[in-house]
Amino acid sequence: MLKTLSRVSSSLAALLGEPRSNIDTNAQLQQIQATMLNTANECTGQGNATFWSTRVREDISRACDIQTLWYLRSDLLRILSDHCGEQAGRKKLDEITEMFRGNIPKDQMPGSRRIGR
């Protein structure tokens, strides 16, 4: 219950905070989208495309907001892990995740991970 209230208050604070212009948001959306697509293409290449990776690329291409791209990260991690290995996939995804900072509520951003699991 406390976690839910925290998310609601964070979302309201984000709405009441300084509004971002649509131009800034669209530019960031396009930058994140292009990075996600380039990362997927680098790892899988066109010759190794599977139905799953093709579908993920299409979903990323069609995403019309940053929140949708945020949720597509898990799908991207799956294809990166299949083609590059989980550790390399997570490293690439961590770089992409940082691009979302300031665009989604802070409580949705992952905390710092302990190194050397």
PDB file of N, CA and C in Angstrom:
ATOM      1  N   MET A   1       0.819  -1.188   0.000  1.00  0.00           N
ATOM      2  CA  MET A   1       0.000   0.000   0.000  1.00  0.00           C
ATOM      3  C   MET A   1       0.868   1.260   0.000  1.00  0.00           C
ATOM      4  N   LEU A   2       1.917   1.238   0.823  1.00  0.00           N
ATOM      5  CA  LEU A   2       2.807   2.392   0.906  1.00  0.00           C
ATOM      6  C   LEU A   2       3.508   2.631  -0.427  1.00  0.00           C
ATOM      7  N   LYS A   3       3.894   1.537  -1.085  1.00  0.00           N
ATOM      8  CA  LYS A   3       4.561   1.640  -2.384  1.00  0.00           C
ATOM      9  C   LYS A   3       3.621   2.272  -3.416  1.00  0.00           C
ATOM     10  N   THR A   4       2.349   1.878  -3.387  1.00  0.00           N
ATOM     11  CA  THR A   4       1.359   2.427  -4.315  1.00  0.00           C
ATOM     12  C   THR A   4       1.173   3.916  -4.078  1.00  0.00           C
ATOM     13  N   LEU A   5       1.083   4.314  -2.815  1.00  0.00           N
ATOM     14  CA  LEU A   5       0.939   5.736  -2.505  1.00  0.00           C
ATOM     15  C   LEU A   5       2.159   6.521  -2.951  1.00  0.00           C
ATOM     16  N   SER A   6       3.332   5.923  -2.797  1.00  0.00           N
ATOM     17  CA  SER A   6       4.563   6.585  -3.233  1.00  0.00           C
ATOM     18  C   SER A   6       4.555   6.810  -4.739  1.00  0.00           C
ATOM     19  N   ARG A   7       4.117   5.811  -5.482  1.00  0.00           N
ATOM     20  CA  ARG A   7       4.055   5.948  -6.939  1.00  0.00           C
ATOM     21  C   ARG A   7       3.054   7.018  -7.358  1.00  0.00           C
ATOM     22  N   VAL A   8       1.908   7.038  -6.685  1.00  0.00           N
ATOM     23  CA  VAL A   8       0.896   8.040  -7.013  1.00  0.00           C
ATOM     24  C   VAL A   8       1.434   9.435  -6.731  1.00  0.00           C
ATOM     25  N   SER A   9       2.073   9.608  -5.569  1.00  0.00           N
ATOM     26  CA  SER A   9       2.597  10.937  -5.241  1.00  0.00           C
ATOM     27  C   SER A   9       3.729  11.327  -6.178  1.00  0.00           C
ATOM     28  N   SER A  10       4.567  10.370  -6.599  1.00  0.00           N
ATOM     29  CA  SER A  10       5.642  10.675  -7.554  1.00  0.00           C
ATOM     30  C   SER A  10       5.070  11.082  -8.905  1.00  0.00           C
ATOM     31  N   SER A  11       4.027  10.386  -9.321  1.00  0.00           N
ATOM     32  CA  SER A  11       3.395  10.715 -10.597  1.00  0.00           C
ATOM     33  C   SER A  11       2.763  12.095 -10.549  1.00  0.00           C
ATOM     34  N   LEU A  12       2.106  12.409  -9.447  1.00  0.00           N
ATOM     35  CA  LEU A  12       1.498  13.736  -9.310  1.00  0.00           C
ATOM     36  C   LEU A  12       2.565  14.823  -9.263  1.00  0.00           C
ATOM     37  N   ALA A  13       3.652  14.553  -8.563  1.00  0.00           N
ATOM     38  CA  ALA A  13       4.740  15.536  -8.494  1.00  0.00           C
ATOM     39  C   ALA A  13       5.322  15.776  -9.877  1.00  0.00           C
ATOM     40  N   ALA A  14       5.448  14.714 -10.662  1.00  0.00           N
ATOM     41  CA  ALA A  14       5.976  14.861 -12.021  1.00  0.00           C
ATOM     42  C   ALA A  14       5.030  15.701 -12.876  1.00  0.00           C
ATOM     43  N   LEU A  15       3.726  15.496 -12.682  1.00  0.00           N
ATOM     44  CA  LEU A  15       2.748  16.266 -13.448  1.00  0.00           C
ATOM     45  C   LEU A  15       2.746  17.734 -13.036  1.00  0.00           C
ATOM     46  N   LEU A  16       2.969  18.007 -11.764  1.00  0.00           N
ATOM     47  CA  LEU A  16       2.945  19.377 -11.272  1.00  0.00           C
ATOM     48  C   LEU A  16       4.279  20.088 -11.451  1.00  0.00           C
ATOM     49  N   GLY A  17       5.315  19.338 -11.760  1.00  0.00           N
ATOM     50  CA  GLY A  17       6.637  19.924 -11.936  1.00  0.00           C
ATOM     51  C   GLY A  17       6.721  20.725 -13.219  1.00  0.00           C
ATOM     52  N   GLU A  18       7.916  21.144 -13.521  1.00  0.00           N
ATOM     53  CA  GLU A  18       8.149  21.957 -14.711  1.00  0.00           C
ATOM     54  C   GLU A  18       7.817  21.144 -15.961  1.00  0.00           C
ATOM     55  N   PRO A  19       6.870  21.604 -16.763  1.00  0.00           N
ATOM     56  CA  PRO A  19       6.496  20.831 -17.946  1.00  0.00           C
ATOM     57  C   PRO A  19       7.604  20.856 -19.003  1.00  0.00           C
ATOM     58  N   ARG A  20       7.800  19.728 -19.641  1.00  0.00           N
ATOM     59  CA  ARG A  20       8.756  19.645 -20.734  1.00  0.00           C
ATOM     60  C   ARG A  20       8.035  20.028 -22.016  1.00  0.00           C
ATOM     61  N   SER A  21       8.755  20.627 -22.907  1.00  0.00           N
ATOM     62  CA  SER A  21       8.123  20.973 -24.166  1.00  0.00           C
ATOM     63  C   SER A  21       7.959  19.714 -25.006  1.00  0.00           C
ATOM     64  N   ASN A  22       6.986  19.741 -25.886  1.00  0.00           N
ATOM     65  CA  ASN A  22       6.754  18.597 -26.759  1.00  0.00           C
ATOM     66  C   ASN A  22       7.949  18.352 -27.669  1.00  0.00           C
ATOM     67  N   ILE A  23       8.653  19.410 -28.046  1.00  0.00           N
ATOM     68  CA  ILE A  23       9.816  19.267 -28.918  1.00  0.00           C
ATOM     69  C   ILE A  23      10.910  18.486 -28.198  1.00  0.00           C
ATOM     70  N   ASP A  24      11.178  18.837 -26.934  1.00  0.00           N
ATOM     71  CA  ASP A  24      12.186  18.116 -26.151  1.00  0.00           C
ATOM     72  C   ASP A  24      11.813  16.656 -25.989  1.00  0.00           C
ATOM     73  N   THR A  25      10.549  16.417 -25.636  1.00  0.00           N
ATOM     74  CA  THR A  25      10.086  15.058 -25.422  1.00  0.00           C
ATOM     75  C   THR A  25      10.165  14.245 -26.703  1.00  0.00           C
ATOM     76  N   ASN A  26       9.754  14.817 -27.821  1.00  0.00           N
ATOM     77  CA  ASN A  26       9.813  14.100 -29.090  1.00  0.00           C
ATOM     78  C   ASN A  26      11.252  13.810 -29.507  1.00  0.00           C
ATOM     79  N   ALA A  27      12.143  14.759 -29.276  1.00  0.00           N
ATOM     80  CA  ALA A  27      13.550  14.542 -29.612  1.00  0.00           C
ATOM     81  C   ALA A  27      14.143  13.422 -28.767  1.00  0.00           C
ATOM     82  N   GLN A  28      13.809  13.399 -27.485  1.00  0.00           N
ATOM     83  CA  GLN A  28      14.301  12.341 -26.612  1.00  0.00           C
ATOM     84  C   GLN A  28      13.707  10.994 -26.995  1.00  0.00           C
ATOM     85  N   LEU A  29      12.429  10.987 -27.320  1.00  0.00           N
ATOM     86  CA  LEU A  29      11.776   9.760 -27.769  1.00  0.00           C
ATOM     87  C   LEU A  29      12.489   9.203 -28.989  1.00  0.00           C
ATOM     88  N   GLN A  30      12.755  10.053 -29.966  1.00  0.00           N
ATOM     89  CA  GLN A  30      13.416   9.601 -31.188  1.00  0.00           C
ATOM     90  C   GLN A  30      14.836   9.121 -30.921  1.00  0.00           C
ATOM     91  N   GLN A  31      15.544   9.792 -30.020  1.00  0.00           N
ATOM     92  CA  GLN A  31      16.909   9.386 -29.698  1.00  0.00           C
ATOM     93  C   GLN A  31      16.929   8.018 -29.008  1.00  0.00           C
ATOM     94  N   ILE A  32      16.053   7.819 -28.039  1.00  0.00           N
ATOM     95  CA  ILE A  32      15.984   6.536 -27.333  1.00  0.00           C
ATOM     96  C   ILE A  32      15.557   5.436 -28.298  1.00  0.00           C
ATOM     97  N   GLN A  33      14.573   5.737 -29.119  1.00  0.00           N
ATOM     98  CA  GLN A  33      14.069   4.774 -30.099  1.00  0.00           C
ATOM     99  C   GLN A  33      15.180   4.345 -31.056  1.00  0.00           C
ATOM    100  N   ALA A  34      15.920   5.300 -31.578  1.00  0.00           N
ATOM    101  CA  ALA A  34      17.012   4.998 -32.510  1.00  0.00           C
ATOM    102  C   ALA A  34      18.103   4.184 -31.828  1.00  0.00           C
ATOM    103  N   THR A  35      18.424   4.513 -30.590  1.00  0.00           N
ATOM    104  CA  THR A  35      19.450   3.763 -29.863  1.00  0.00           C
ATOM    105  C   THR A  35      19.012   2.327 -29.623  1.00  0.00           C
ATOM    106  N   MET A  36      17.747   2.145 -29.241  1.00  0.00           N
ATOM    107  CA  MET A  36      17.241   0.788 -29.010  1.00  0.00           C
ATOM    108  C   MET A  36      17.272  -0.029 -30.301  1.00  0.00           C
ATOM    109  N   LEU A  37      16.858   0.587 -31.405  1.00  0.00           N
ATOM    110  CA  LEU A  37      16.867  -0.126 -32.683  1.00  0.00           C
ATOM    111  C   LEU A  37      18.286  -0.446 -33.143  1.00  0.00           C
ATOM    112  N   ASN A  38      19.202   0.511 -33.002  1.00  0.00           N
ATOM    113  CA  ASN A  38      20.595   0.268 -33.383  1.00  0.00           C
ATOM    114  C   ASN A  38      21.209  -0.845 -32.553  1.00  0.00           C
ATOM    115  N   THR A  39      20.908  -0.852 -31.264  1.00  0.00           N
ATOM    116  CA  THR A  39      21.439  -1.895 -30.385  1.00  0.00           C
ATOM    117  C   THR A  39      20.903  -3.257 -30.794  1.00  0.00           C
ATOM    118  N   ALA A  40      19.623  -3.339 -31.086  1.00  0.00           N
ATOM    119  CA  ALA A  40      19.032  -4.609 -31.520  1.00  0.00           C
ATOM    120  C   ALA A  40      19.644  -5.057 -32.846  1.00  0.00           C
ATOM    121  N   ASN A  41      19.844  -4.126 -33.765  1.00  0.00           N
ATOM    122  CA  ASN A  41      20.413  -4.471 -35.069  1.00  0.00           C
ATOM    123  C   ASN A  41      21.870  -4.890 -34.971  1.00  0.00           C
ATOM    124  N   GLU A  42      22.645  -4.245 -34.100  1.00  0.00           N
ATOM    125  CA  GLU A  42      24.056  -4.604 -33.925  1.00  0.00           C
ATOM    126  C   GLU A  42      24.207  -6.035 -33.443  1.00  0.00           C
ATOM    127  N   CYS A  43      23.368  -6.404 -32.503  1.00  0.00           N
ATOM    128  CA  CYS A  43      23.492  -7.734 -31.905  1.00  0.00           C
ATOM    129  C   CYS A  43      22.939  -8.827 -32.806  1.00  0.00           C
ATOM    130  N   THR A  44      21.791  -8.579 -33.377  1.00  0.00           N
ATOM    131  CA  THR A  44      21.145  -9.654 -34.116  1.00  0.00           C
ATOM    132  C   THR A  44      21.477  -9.618 -35.595  1.00  0.00           C
ATOM    133  N   GLY A  45      21.744  -8.445 -36.144  1.00  0.00           N
ATOM    134  CA  GLY A  45      21.993  -8.342 -37.580  1.00  0.00           C
ATOM    135  C   GLY A  45      20.747  -8.723 -38.359  1.00  0.00           C
ATOM    136  N   GLN A  46      20.728  -8.389 -39.588  1.00  0.00           N
ATOM    137  CA  GLN A  46      19.552  -8.711 -40.410  1.00  0.00           C
ATOM    138  C   GLN A  46      19.481 -10.201 -40.732  1.00  0.00           C
ATOM    139  N   GLY A  47      20.632 -10.865 -40.854  1.00  0.00           N
ATOM    140  CA  GLY A  47      20.635 -12.279 -41.210  1.00  0.00           C
ATOM    141  C   GLY A  47      20.188 -13.188 -40.091  1.00  0.00           C
ATOM    142  N   ASN A  48      20.325 -12.757 -38.841  1.00  0.00           N
ATOM    143  CA  ASN A  48      19.972 -13.575 -37.692  1.00  0.00           C
ATOM    144  C   ASN A  48      18.611 -13.234 -37.113  1.00  0.00           C
ATOM    145  N   ALA A  49      17.839 -12.435 -37.808  1.00  0.00           N
ATOM    146  CA  ALA A  49      16.551 -11.993 -37.270  1.00  0.00           C
ATOM    147  C   ALA A  49      15.605 -13.174 -37.109  1.00  0.00           C
ATOM    148  N   THR A  50      15.026 -13.271 -35.934  1.00  0.00           N
ATOM    149  CA  THR A  50      14.014 -14.271 -35.661  1.00  0.00           C
ATOM    150  C   THR A  50      12.664 -13.568 -35.639  1.00  0.00           C
ATOM    151  N   PHE A  51      11.608 -14.350 -35.570  1.00  0.00           N
ATOM    152  CA  PHE A  51      10.281 -13.755 -35.477  1.00  0.00           C
ATOM    153  C   PHE A  51      10.214 -12.829 -34.268  1.00  0.00           C
ATOM    154  N   TRP A  52      10.764 -13.294 -33.128  1.00  0.00           N
ATOM    155  CA  TRP A  52      10.714 -12.510 -31.897  1.00  0.00           C
ATOM    156  C   TRP A  52      11.454 -11.188 -32.049  1.00  0.00           C
ATOM    157  N   SER A  53      12.687 -11.242 -32.581  1.00  0.00           N
ATOM    158  CA  SER A  53      13.472 -10.011 -32.692  1.00  0.00           C
ATOM    159  C   SER A  53      12.856  -9.053 -33.707  1.00  0.00           C
ATOM    160  N   THR A  54      12.280  -9.588 -34.762  1.00  0.00           N
ATOM    161  CA  THR A  54      11.612  -8.745 -35.758  1.00  0.00           C
ATOM    162  C   THR A  54      10.412  -8.044 -35.126  1.00  0.00           C
ATOM    163  N   ARG A  55       9.658  -8.788 -34.314  1.00  0.00           N
ATOM    164  CA  ARG A  55       8.484  -8.211 -33.657  1.00  0.00           C
ATOM    165  C   ARG A  55       8.888  -7.110 -32.673  1.00  0.00           C
ATOM    166  N   VAL A  56       9.959  -7.341 -31.933  1.00  0.00           N
ATOM    167  CA  VAL A  56      10.426  -6.336 -30.968  1.00  0.00           C
ATOM    168  C   VAL A  56      10.863  -5.066 -31.703  1.00  0.00           C
ATOM    169  N   ARG A  57      11.581  -5.226 -32.792  1.00  0.00           N
ATOM    170  CA  ARG A  57      12.002  -4.050 -33.583  1.00  0.00           C
ATOM    171  C   ARG A  57      10.792  -3.267 -34.082  1.00  0.00           C
ATOM    172  N   GLU A  58       9.789  -3.978 -34.551  1.00  0.00           N
ATOM    173  CA  GLU A  58       8.576  -3.300 -35.025  1.00  0.00           C
ATOM    174  C   GLU A  58       7.883  -2.559 -33.884  1.00  0.00           C
ATOM    175  N   ASP A  59       7.810  -3.194 -32.715  1.00  0.00           N
ATOM    176  CA  ASP A  59       7.181  -2.545 -31.558  1.00  0.00           C
ATOM    177  C   ASP A  59       7.943  -1.287 -31.160  1.00  0.00           C
ATOM    178  N   ILE A  60       9.272  -1.359 -31.168  1.00  0.00           N
ATOM    179  CA  ILE A  60      10.083  -0.191 -30.831  1.00  0.00           C
ATOM    180  C   ILE A  60       9.858   0.911 -31.867  1.00  0.00           C
ATOM    181  N   SER A  61       9.816   0.547 -33.133  1.00  0.00           N
ATOM    182  CA  SER A  61       9.607   1.531 -34.206  1.00  0.00           C
ATOM    183  C   SER A  61       8.259   2.229 -34.092  1.00  0.00           C
ATOM    184  N   ARG A  62       7.252   1.497 -33.634  1.00  0.00           N
ATOM    185  CA  ARG A  62       5.899   2.054 -33.554  1.00  0.00           C
ATOM    186  C   ARG A  62       5.600   2.767 -32.248  1.00  0.00           C
ATOM    187  N   ALA A  63       6.492   2.670 -31.280  1.00  0.00           N
ATOM    188  CA  ALA A  63       6.236   3.285 -29.975  1.00  0.00           C
ATOM    189  C   ALA A  63       6.043   4.789 -30.148  1.00  0.00           C
ATOM    190  N   CYS A  64       5.004   5.309 -29.530  1.00  0.00           N
ATOM    191  CA  CYS A  64       4.702   6.737 -29.694  1.00  0.00           C
ATOM    192  C   CYS A  64       4.922   7.532 -28.416  1.00  0.00           C
ATOM    193  N   ASP A  65       5.418   6.876 -27.357  1.00  0.00           N
ATOM    194  CA  ASP A  65       5.758   7.615 -26.146  1.00  0.00           C
ATOM    195  C   ASP A  65       6.895   6.917 -25.407  1.00  0.00           C
ATOM    196  N   ILE A  66       7.518   7.666 -24.520  1.00  0.00           N
ATOM    197  CA  ILE A  66       8.689   7.165 -23.799  1.00  0.00           C
ATOM    198  C   ILE A  66       8.300   6.030 -22.860  1.00  0.00           C
ATOM    199  N   GLN A  67       7.126   6.097 -22.276  1.00  0.00           N
ATOM    200  CA  GLN A  67       6.683   5.050 -21.352  1.00  0.00           C
ATOM    201  C   GLN A  67       6.586   3.705 -22.067  1.00  0.00           C
ATOM    202  N   THR A  68       6.113   3.696 -23.301  1.00  0.00           N
ATOM    203  CA  THR A  68       6.040   2.456 -24.071  1.00  0.00           C
ATOM    204  C   THR A  68       7.435   1.901 -24.315  1.00  0.00           C
ATOM    205  N   LEU A  69       8.381   2.763 -24.666  1.00  0.00           N
ATOM    206  CA  LEU A  69       9.763   2.317 -24.856  1.00  0.00           C
ATOM    207  C   LEU A  69      10.331   1.761 -23.557  1.00  0.00           C
ATOM    208  N   TRP A  70       9.983   2.370 -22.445  1.00  0.00           N
ATOM    209  CA  TRP A  70      10.459   1.897 -21.149  1.00  0.00           C
ATOM    210  C   TRP A  70      10.061   0.437 -20.945  1.00  0.00           C
ATOM    211  N   TYR A  71       8.815   0.120 -21.245  1.00  0.00           N
ATOM    212  CA  TYR A  71       8.342  -1.251 -21.046  1.00  0.00           C
ATOM    213  C   TYR A  71       8.880  -2.217 -22.100  1.00  0.00           C
ATOM    214  N   LEU A  72       9.315  -1.719 -23.236  1.00  0.00           N
ATOM    215  CA  LEU A  72       9.898  -2.587 -24.273  1.00  0.00           C
ATOM    216  C   LEU A  72      11.348  -2.971 -23.969  1.00  0.00           C
ATOM    217  N   ARG A  73      11.939  -2.375 -22.943  1.00  0.00           N
ATOM    218  CA  ARG A  73      13.318  -2.722 -22.580  1.00  0.00           C
ATOM    219  C   ARG A  73      13.463  -4.196 -22.237  1.00  0.00           C
ATOM    220  N   SER A  74      12.460  -4.766 -21.577  1.00  0.00           N
ATOM    221  CA  SER A  74      12.554  -6.182 -21.207  1.00  0.00           C
ATOM    222  C   SER A  74      12.559  -7.075 -22.449  1.00  0.00           C
ATOM    223  N   ASP A  75      11.786  -6.693 -23.466  1.00  0.00           N
ATOM    224  CA  ASP A  75      11.796  -7.450 -24.720  1.00  0.00           C
ATOM    225  C   ASP A  75      13.148  -7.311 -25.419  1.00  0.00           C
ATOM    226  N   LEU A  76      13.699  -6.098 -25.377  1.00  0.00           N
ATOM    227  CA  LEU A  76      15.008  -5.873 -25.976  1.00  0.00           C
ATOM    228  C   LEU A  76      16.070  -6.704 -25.251  1.00  0.00           C
ATOM    229  N   LEU A  77      15.992  -6.770 -23.929  1.00  0.00           N
ATOM    230  CA  LEU A  77      16.955  -7.576 -23.167  1.00  0.00           C
ATOM    231  C   LEU A  77      16.873  -9.036 -23.578  1.00  0.00           C
ATOM    232  N   ARG A  78      15.695  -9.511 -23.838  1.00  0.00           N
ATOM    233  CA  ARG A  78      15.542 -10.915 -24.248  1.00  0.00           C
ATOM    234  C   ARG A  78      16.289 -11.193 -25.546  1.00  0.00           C
ATOM    235  N   ILE A  79      16.124 -10.337 -26.551  1.00  0.00           N
ATOM    236  CA  ILE A  79      16.821 -10.616 -27.814  1.00  0.00           C
ATOM    237  C   ILE A  79      18.319 -10.369 -27.678  1.00  0.00           C
ATOM    238  N   LEU A  80      18.714  -9.389 -26.866  1.00  0.00           N
ATOM    239  CA  LEU A  80      20.137  -9.160 -26.644  1.00  0.00           C
ATOM    240  C   LEU A  80      20.761 -10.360 -25.940  1.00  0.00           C
ATOM    241  N   SER A  81      20.080 -10.901 -24.954  1.00  0.00           N
ATOM    242  CA  SER A  81      20.591 -12.057 -24.225  1.00  0.00           C
ATOM    243  C   SER A  81      20.681 -13.283 -25.124  1.00  0.00           C
ATOM    244  N   ASP A  82      19.700 -13.462 -25.990  1.00  0.00           N
ATOM    245  CA  ASP A  82      19.711 -14.609 -26.912  1.00  0.00           C
ATOM    246  C   ASP A  82      20.882 -14.549 -27.879  1.00  0.00           C
ATOM    247  N   HIS A  83      21.224 -13.356 -28.319  1.00  0.00           N
ATOM    248  CA  HIS A  83      22.238 -13.217 -29.362  1.00  0.00           C
ATOM    249  C   HIS A  83      23.615 -12.815 -28.857  1.00  0.00           C
ATOM    250  N   CYS A  84      23.679 -12.124 -27.724  1.00  0.00           N
ATOM    251  CA  CYS A  84      24.968 -11.600 -27.234  1.00  0.00           C
ATOM    252  C   CYS A  84      25.367 -12.174 -25.889  1.00  0.00           C
ATOM    253  N   GLY A  85      24.477 -12.886 -25.238  1.00  0.00           N
ATOM    254  CA  GLY A  85      24.715 -13.348 -23.879  1.00  0.00           C
ATOM    255  C   GLY A  85      24.077 -12.389 -22.888  1.00  0.00           C
ATOM    256  N   GLU A  86      23.710 -12.925 -21.739  1.00  0.00           N
ATOM    257  CA  GLU A  86      22.983 -12.101 -20.772  1.00  0.00           C
ATOM    258  C   GLU A  86      23.823 -10.954 -20.225  1.00  0.00           C
ATOM    259  N   GLN A  87      25.074 -11.224 -19.906  1.00  0.00           N
ATOM    260  CA  GLN A  87      25.909 -10.173 -19.319  1.00  0.00           C
ATOM    261  C   GLN A  87      26.108  -9.010 -20.290  1.00  0.00           C
ATOM    262  N   ALA A  88      26.416  -9.317 -21.552  1.00  0.00           N
ATOM    263  CA  ALA A  88      26.595  -8.254 -22.553  1.00  0.00           C
ATOM    264  C   ALA A  88      25.269  -7.538 -22.807  1.00  0.00           C
ATOM    265  N   GLY A  89      24.175  -8.299 -22.818  1.00  0.00           N
ATOM    266  CA  GLY A  89      22.856  -7.702 -23.022  1.00  0.00           C
ATOM    267  C   GLY A  89      22.493  -6.737 -21.908  1.00  0.00           C
ATOM    268  N   ARG A  90      22.765  -7.132 -20.665  1.00  0.00           N
ATOM    269  CA  ARG A  90      22.469  -6.253 -19.527  1.00  0.00           C
ATOM    270  C   ARG A  90      23.315  -4.985 -19.557  1.00  0.00           C
ATOM    271  N   LYS A  91      24.563  -5.127 -19.971  1.00  0.00           N
ATOM    272  CA  LYS A  91      25.441  -3.958 -20.047  1.00  0.00           C
ATOM    273  C   LYS A  91      24.903  -2.946 -21.061  1.00  0.00           C
ATOM    274  N   LYS A  92      24.496  -3.449 -22.224  1.00  0.00           N
ATOM    275  CA  LYS A  92      23.939  -2.565 -23.256  1.00  0.00           C
ATOM    276  C   LYS A  92      22.622  -1.953 -22.783  1.00  0.00           C
ATOM    277  N   LEU A  93      21.807  -2.756 -22.110  1.00  0.00           N
ATOM    278  CA  LEU A  93      20.515  -2.254 -21.638  1.00  0.00           C
ATOM    279  C   LEU A  93      20.695  -1.204 -20.538  1.00  0.00           C
ATOM    280  N   ASP A  94      21.706  -1.370 -19.687  1.00  0.00           N
ATOM    281  CA  ASP A  94      21.967  -0.374 -18.641  1.00  0.00           C
ATOM    282  C   ASP A  94      22.269   0.995 -19.257  1.00  0.00           C
ATOM    283  N   GLU A  95      23.006   0.999 -20.364  1.00  0.00           N
ATOM    284  CA  GLU A  95      23.313   2.260 -21.046  1.00  0.00           C
ATOM    285  C   GLU A  95      22.039   2.910 -21.580  1.00  0.00           C
ATOM    286  N   ILE A  96      21.165   2.093 -22.132  1.00  0.00           N
ATOM    287  CA  ILE A  96      19.891   2.603 -22.661  1.00  0.00           C
ATOM    288  C   ILE A  96      19.007   3.091 -21.516  1.00  0.00           C
ATOM    289  N   THR A  97      18.990   2.357 -20.420  1.00  0.00           N
ATOM    290  CA  THR A  97      18.160   2.721 -19.269  1.00  0.00           C
ATOM    291  C   THR A  97      18.498   4.119 -18.775  1.00  0.00           C
ATOM    292  N   GLU A  98      19.771   4.474 -18.773  1.00  0.00           N
ATOM    293  CA  GLU A  98      20.177   5.805 -18.313  1.00  0.00           C
ATOM    294  C   GLU A  98      19.598   6.919 -19.180  1.00  0.00           C
ATOM    295  N   MET A  99      19.290   6.613 -20.434  1.00  0.00           N
ATOM    296  CA  MET A  99      18.701   7.620 -21.321  1.00  0.00           C
ATOM    297  C   MET A  99      17.299   8.027 -20.865  1.00  0.00           C
ATOM    298  N   PHE A 100      16.662   7.174 -20.073  1.00  0.00           N
ATOM    299  CA  PHE A 100      15.306   7.436 -19.603  1.00  0.00           C
ATOM    300  C   PHE A 100      15.277   8.343 -18.374  1.00  0.00           C
ATOM    301  N   ARG A 101      16.436   8.521 -17.733  1.00  0.00           N
ATOM    302  CA  ARG A 101      16.496   9.315 -16.502  1.00  0.00           C
ATOM    303  C   ARG A 101      15.958  10.722 -16.770  1.00  0.00           C
ATOM    304  N   GLY A 102      15.013  11.138 -15.936  1.00  0.00           N
ATOM    305  CA  GLY A 102      14.377  12.441 -16.094  1.00  0.00           C
ATOM    306  C   GLY A 102      13.131  12.388 -16.968  1.00  0.00           C
ATOM    307  N   ASN A 103      12.909  11.261 -17.631  1.00  0.00           N
ATOM    308  CA  ASN A 103      11.741  11.123 -18.503  1.00  0.00           C
ATOM    309  C   ASN A 103      10.659  10.244 -17.900  1.00  0.00           C
ATOM    310  N   ILE A 104      11.015   9.497 -16.880  1.00  0.00           N
ATOM    311  CA  ILE A 104      10.041   8.655 -16.190  1.00  0.00           C
ATOM    312  C   ILE A 104      10.180   8.928 -14.696  1.00  0.00           C
ATOM    313  N   PRO A 105       9.174   8.582 -13.896  1.00  0.00           N
ATOM    314  CA  PRO A 105       9.267   8.828 -12.456  1.00  0.00           C
ATOM    315  C   PRO A 105      10.490   8.141 -11.841  1.00  0.00           C
ATOM    316  N   LYS A 106      11.094   8.810 -10.866  1.00  0.00           N
ATOM    317  CA  LYS A 106      12.311   8.304 -10.229  1.00  0.00           C
ATOM    318  C   LYS A 106      12.120   6.923  -9.617  1.00  0.00           C
ATOM    319  N   ASP A 107      10.918   6.648  -9.093  1.00  0.00           N
ATOM    320  CA  ASP A 107      10.720   5.351  -8.448  1.00  0.00           C
ATOM    321  C   ASP A 107      10.656   4.195  -9.444  1.00  0.00           C
ATOM    322  N   GLN A 108      10.549   4.494 -10.732  1.00  0.00           N
ATOM    323  CA  GLN A 108      10.588   3.438 -11.742  1.00  0.00           C
ATOM    324  C   GLN A 108      12.014   3.128 -12.197  1.00  0.00           C
ATOM    325  N   MET A 109      12.926   4.063 -11.959  1.00  0.00           N
ATOM    326  CA  MET A 109      14.319   3.840 -12.342  1.00  0.00           C
ATOM    327  C   MET A 109      14.928   2.808 -11.405  1.00  0.00           C
ATOM    328  N   PRO A 110      15.768   1.922 -11.951  1.00  0.00           N
ATOM    329  CA  PRO A 110      16.400   0.926 -11.087  1.00  0.00           C
ATOM    330  C   PRO A 110      17.388   1.577 -10.134  1.00  0.00           C
ATOM    331  N   GLY A 111      17.536   0.971  -8.964  1.00  0.00           N
ATOM    332  CA  GLY A 111      18.522   1.436  -8.002  1.00  0.00           C
ATOM    333  C   GLY A 111      19.893   0.952  -8.415  1.00  0.00           C
ATOM    334  N   SER A 112      20.903   1.407  -7.707  1.00  0.00           N
ATOM    335  CA  SER A 112      22.250   0.959  -8.042  1.00  0.00           C
ATOM    336  C   SER A 112      22.385  -0.516  -7.650  1.00  0.00           C
ATOM    337  N   ARG A 113      22.992  -1.273  -8.537  1.00  0.00           N
ATOM    338  CA  ARG A 113      23.168  -2.700  -8.310  1.00  0.00           C
ATOM    339  C   ARG A 113      24.493  -2.958  -7.624  1.00  0.00           C
ATOM    340  N   ARG A 114      24.514  -4.003  -6.860  1.00  0.00           N
ATOM    341  CA  ARG A 114      25.776  -4.414  -6.269  1.00  0.00           C
ATOM    342  C   ARG A 114      26.578  -5.150  -7.316  1.00  0.00           C
ATOM    343  N   ILE A 115      27.844  -4.803  -7.423  1.00  0.00           N
ATOM    344  CA  ILE A 115      28.719  -5.435  -8.398  1.00  0.00           C
ATOM    345  C   ILE A 115      29.354  -6.658  -7.749  1.00  0.00           C
ATOM    346  N   GLY A 116      29.551  -7.688  -8.570  1.00  0.00           N
ATOM    347  CA  GLY A 116      30.183  -8.907  -8.080  1.00  0.00           C
ATOM    348  C   GLY A 116      29.201  -9.864  -7.432  1.00  0.00           C
ATOM    349  N   ARG A 117      28.095 -10.070  -8.080  1.00  0.00           N
ATOM    350  CA  ARG A 117      27.074 -10.975  -7.558  1.00  0.00           C
ATOM    351  C   ARG A 117      27.588 -12.373  -7.423  1.00  0.00           C
TER     352      ARG A 117
END
